[in-house]
Amino acid sequence: MNAEELKISLSDFGPVEVEEDRGRFIAHVVCSRFEEMDDAERQYQVWERARQRFGLQASVDIEFMFTYSQTEWDELERSRSSVA
């Protein structure tokens, strides 16, 4: 697995950013369907997708996957831009 493969495998959720940190991946997944979903269900969906595509190795290669609704992501982006 590489960062681009992980990004592509999660891209049908919506926008995805993937970074590598010490050989492991951290993903930021934005999905409008997450608006009405609790964190546990969001995590289940993205991890299940990764496991389907990459098998159990996903749990070794991926450090964490952050899941955001579009509203949450927009708020985060606004707060980042106000700090900069």
N, C-alpha and C. Protein backbone atom coordinates (compact mmCIF):
# COMPACT_ATOMS: atom_id res chain seq x y z
N MET A 1 0.85 -1.17 0.00
CA MET A 1 0.00 0.00 0.00
C MET A 1 0.89 1.24 0.00
N ASN A 2 0.46 2.22 -0.76
CA ASN A 2 1.10 3.53 -0.68
C ASN A 2 0.01 4.58 -0.48
N ALA A 3 0.41 5.82 -0.27
CA ALA A 3 -0.55 6.88 0.06
C ALA A 3 -1.59 7.06 -1.03
N GLU A 4 -1.17 7.00 -2.28
CA GLU A 4 -2.10 7.19 -3.39
C GLU A 4 -3.12 6.05 -3.47
N GLU A 5 -2.68 4.83 -3.25
CA GLU A 5 -3.61 3.68 -3.26
C GLU A 5 -4.64 3.81 -2.15
N LEU A 6 -4.21 4.23 -0.97
CA LEU A 6 -5.15 4.42 0.14
C LEU A 6 -6.14 5.52 -0.20
N LYS A 7 -5.64 6.62 -0.74
CA LYS A 7 -6.51 7.74 -1.11
C LYS A 7 -7.56 7.29 -2.12
N ILE A 8 -7.15 6.57 -3.14
CA ILE A 8 -8.09 6.09 -4.17
C ILE A 8 -9.12 5.15 -3.56
N SER A 9 -8.69 4.26 -2.67
CA SER A 9 -9.62 3.28 -2.10
C SER A 9 -10.69 3.94 -1.24
N LEU A 10 -10.41 5.12 -0.70
CA LEU A 10 -11.37 5.82 0.16
C LEU A 10 -12.09 6.95 -0.56
N SER A 11 -11.75 7.23 -1.80
CA SER A 11 -12.22 8.43 -2.49
C SER A 11 -13.71 8.45 -2.77
N ASP A 12 -14.38 7.30 -2.79
CA ASP A 12 -15.83 7.36 -3.03
C ASP A 12 -16.60 7.88 -1.81
N PHE A 13 -15.94 8.01 -0.66
CA PHE A 13 -16.57 8.69 0.48
C PHE A 13 -16.65 10.19 0.21
N GLY A 14 -15.65 10.71 -0.46
CA GLY A 14 -15.53 12.15 -0.73
C GLY A 14 -14.07 12.53 -0.73
N PRO A 15 -13.76 13.80 -0.47
CA PRO A 15 -12.37 14.24 -0.46
C PRO A 15 -11.56 13.49 0.61
N VAL A 16 -10.34 13.11 0.23
CA VAL A 16 -9.45 12.37 1.12
C VAL A 16 -8.06 12.98 1.04
N GLU A 17 -7.45 13.19 2.19
CA GLU A 17 -6.04 13.58 2.26
C GLU A 17 -5.31 12.47 3.01
N VAL A 18 -4.15 12.09 2.51
CA VAL A 18 -3.36 11.06 3.16
C VAL A 18 -1.94 11.58 3.33
N GLU A 19 -1.41 11.43 4.52
CA GLU A 19 -0.02 11.80 4.78
C GLU A 19 0.69 10.60 5.38
N GLU A 20 1.98 10.57 5.22
CA GLU A 20 2.77 9.48 5.76
C GLU A 20 3.60 10.01 6.93
N ASP A 21 3.60 9.26 8.01
CA ASP A 21 4.35 9.64 9.20
C ASP A 21 5.10 8.42 9.71
N ARG A 22 6.41 8.46 9.62
CA ARG A 22 7.26 7.34 10.08
C ARG A 22 6.84 6.01 9.46
N GLY A 23 6.52 6.04 8.18
CA GLY A 23 6.18 4.80 7.47
C GLY A 23 4.75 4.33 7.63
N ARG A 24 3.94 5.10 8.34
CA ARG A 24 2.52 4.75 8.50
C ARG A 24 1.68 5.89 7.98
N PHE A 25 0.43 5.58 7.62
CA PHE A 25 -0.43 6.55 6.98
C PHE A 25 -1.46 7.12 7.93
N ILE A 26 -1.75 8.39 7.75
CA ILE A 26 -2.82 9.08 8.45
C ILE A 26 -3.73 9.66 7.38
N ALA A 27 -5.00 9.31 7.44
CA ALA A 27 -5.95 9.78 6.43
C ALA A 27 -6.97 10.71 7.06
N HIS A 28 -7.41 11.67 6.26
CA HIS A 28 -8.49 12.58 6.62
C HIS A 28 -9.57 12.38 5.57
N VAL A 29 -10.71 11.85 5.99
CA VAL A 29 -11.79 11.50 5.07
C VAL A 29 -12.98 12.40 5.34
N VAL A 30 -13.47 13.07 4.30
CA VAL A 30 -14.61 13.97 4.41
C VAL A 30 -15.76 13.35 3.62
N CYS A 31 -16.92 13.25 4.28
CA CYS A 31 -18.07 12.62 3.63
C CYS A 31 -19.36 13.28 4.11
N SER A 32 -20.17 13.72 3.17
CA SER A 32 -21.43 14.34 3.55
C SER A 32 -22.35 13.36 4.28
N ARG A 33 -22.23 12.06 3.99
CA ARG A 33 -23.06 11.05 4.67
C ARG A 33 -22.72 10.94 6.15
N PHE A 34 -21.57 11.46 6.57
CA PHE A 34 -21.16 11.40 7.97
C PHE A 34 -21.93 12.38 8.84
N GLU A 35 -22.69 13.30 8.25
CA GLU A 35 -23.42 14.32 9.02
C GLU A 35 -24.28 13.70 10.13
N GLU A 36 -24.99 12.65 9.81
CA GLU A 36 -25.94 12.04 10.76
C GLU A 36 -25.39 10.77 11.40
N MET A 37 -24.11 10.55 11.29
CA MET A 37 -23.51 9.29 11.71
C MET A 37 -22.60 9.52 12.93
N ASP A 38 -22.64 8.61 13.89
CA ASP A 38 -21.74 8.76 15.04
C ASP A 38 -20.32 8.31 14.65
N ASP A 39 -19.36 8.66 15.49
CA ASP A 39 -17.95 8.39 15.19
C ASP A 39 -17.67 6.90 15.00
N ALA A 40 -18.29 6.07 15.81
CA ALA A 40 -18.04 4.63 15.71
C ALA A 40 -18.44 4.08 14.34
N GLU A 41 -19.57 4.51 13.83
CA GLU A 41 -20.03 4.04 12.52
C GLU A 41 -19.12 4.58 11.41
N ARG A 42 -18.71 5.82 11.53
CA ARG A 42 -17.79 6.40 10.54
C ARG A 42 -16.50 5.58 10.49
N GLN A 43 -15.95 5.34 11.68
CA GLN A 43 -14.70 4.58 11.75
C GLN A 43 -14.87 3.17 11.19
N TYR A 44 -15.99 2.55 11.53
CA TYR A 44 -16.24 1.21 11.00
C TYR A 44 -16.24 1.22 9.48
N GLN A 45 -16.91 2.18 8.88
CA GLN A 45 -17.02 2.22 7.42
C GLN A 45 -15.67 2.42 6.74
N VAL A 46 -14.87 3.36 7.22
CA VAL A 46 -13.59 3.59 6.54
C VAL A 46 -12.60 2.46 6.78
N TRP A 47 -12.59 1.90 7.99
CA TRP A 47 -11.68 0.79 8.26
C TRP A 47 -12.11 -0.47 7.52
N GLU A 48 -13.39 -0.68 7.41
CA GLU A 48 -13.88 -1.85 6.66
C GLU A 48 -13.46 -1.73 5.20
N ARG A 49 -13.58 -0.55 4.64
CA ARG A 49 -13.14 -0.34 3.26
C ARG A 49 -11.66 -0.64 3.09
N ALA A 50 -10.85 -0.14 4.03
CA ALA A 50 -9.40 -0.38 3.96
C ALA A 50 -9.08 -1.86 4.09
N ARG A 51 -9.77 -2.54 5.00
CA ARG A 51 -9.53 -3.98 5.17
C ARG A 51 -9.96 -4.77 3.94
N GLN A 52 -11.06 -4.37 3.31
CA GLN A 52 -11.50 -5.05 2.10
C GLN A 52 -10.47 -4.91 0.99
N ARG A 53 -9.88 -3.74 0.90
CA ARG A 53 -8.93 -3.48 -0.19
C ARG A 53 -7.53 -4.00 0.11
N PHE A 54 -7.07 -3.87 1.37
CA PHE A 54 -5.68 -4.17 1.70
C PHE A 54 -5.51 -5.32 2.69
N GLY A 55 -6.61 -5.90 3.15
CA GLY A 55 -6.52 -6.99 4.10
C GLY A 55 -6.11 -6.51 5.48
N LEU A 56 -5.70 -7.45 6.30
CA LEU A 56 -5.33 -7.11 7.68
C LEU A 56 -4.09 -6.23 7.75
N GLN A 57 -3.30 -6.19 6.67
CA GLN A 57 -2.12 -5.33 6.64
C GLN A 57 -2.51 -3.86 6.82
N ALA A 58 -3.75 -3.52 6.50
CA ALA A 58 -4.21 -2.14 6.67
C ALA A 58 -4.04 -1.68 8.12
N SER A 59 -4.30 -2.56 9.06
CA SER A 59 -4.21 -2.16 10.47
C SER A 59 -2.76 -1.95 10.90
N VAL A 60 -1.82 -2.44 10.13
CA VAL A 60 -0.40 -2.21 10.40
C VAL A 60 0.06 -0.93 9.71
N ASP A 61 -0.36 -0.75 8.45
CA ASP A 61 0.12 0.36 7.63
C ASP A 61 -0.56 1.70 7.94
N ILE A 62 -1.77 1.65 8.47
CA ILE A 62 -2.53 2.88 8.73
C ILE A 62 -2.50 3.17 10.22
N GLU A 63 -2.01 4.35 10.56
CA GLU A 63 -1.97 4.74 11.97
C GLU A 63 -3.35 5.18 12.45
N PHE A 64 -4.01 6.04 11.65
CA PHE A 64 -5.34 6.51 12.03
C PHE A 64 -6.04 7.10 10.82
N MET A 65 -7.37 7.06 10.85
CA MET A 65 -8.18 7.71 9.82
C MET A 65 -9.17 8.63 10.52
N PHE A 66 -8.98 9.92 10.32
CA PHE A 66 -9.91 10.91 10.84
C PHE A 66 -11.10 10.97 9.91
N THR A 67 -12.30 11.06 10.47
CA THR A 67 -13.52 11.13 9.65
C THR A 67 -14.28 12.41 10.00
N TYR A 68 -14.61 13.17 8.97
CA TYR A 68 -15.30 14.45 9.14
C TYR A 68 -16.54 14.50 8.27
N SER A 69 -17.59 15.10 8.78
CA SER A 69 -18.70 15.48 7.92
C SER A 69 -18.24 16.71 7.14
N GLN A 70 -18.94 17.06 6.08
CA GLN A 70 -18.56 18.24 5.32
C GLN A 70 -18.62 19.50 6.19
N THR A 71 -19.64 19.58 7.05
CA THR A 71 -19.78 20.72 7.96
C THR A 71 -18.59 20.82 8.90
N GLU A 72 -18.19 19.69 9.49
CA GLU A 72 -17.05 19.68 10.40
C GLU A 72 -15.77 20.10 9.69
N TRP A 73 -15.59 19.59 8.47
CA TRP A 73 -14.39 19.92 7.70
C TRP A 73 -14.35 21.42 7.37
N ASP A 74 -15.49 21.97 6.95
CA ASP A 74 -15.56 23.39 6.63
C ASP A 74 -15.22 24.24 7.86
N GLU A 75 -15.72 23.85 9.03
CA GLU A 75 -15.42 24.57 10.27
C GLU A 75 -13.93 24.49 10.60
N LEU A 76 -13.36 23.32 10.41
CA LEU A 76 -11.93 23.14 10.67
C LEU A 76 -11.10 24.01 9.73
N GLU A 77 -11.47 24.04 8.47
CA GLU A 77 -10.75 24.87 7.49
C GLU A 77 -10.87 26.35 7.83
N ARG A 78 -12.06 26.78 8.26
CA ARG A 78 -12.23 28.18 8.65
C ARG A 78 -11.35 28.53 9.86
N SER A 79 -11.30 27.62 10.83
CA SER A 79 -10.49 27.90 12.02
C SER A 79 -9.00 27.91 11.67
N ARG A 80 -8.58 27.07 10.75
CA ARG A 80 -7.17 27.07 10.31
C ARG A 80 -6.84 28.39 9.62
N SER A 81 -7.73 28.86 8.77
CA SER A 81 -7.44 30.08 8.02
C SER A 81 -7.47 31.32 8.92
N SER A 82 -8.25 31.29 9.99
CA SER A 82 -8.29 32.44 10.89
C SER A 82 -7.03 32.50 11.76
N VAL A 83 -6.37 31.37 11.96
CA VAL A 83 -5.14 31.33 12.75
C VAL A 83 -3.95 31.77 11.91
N ALA A 84 -3.98 31.46 10.63
CA ALA A 84 -2.85 31.76 9.73
C ALA A 84 -2.68 33.20 9.43
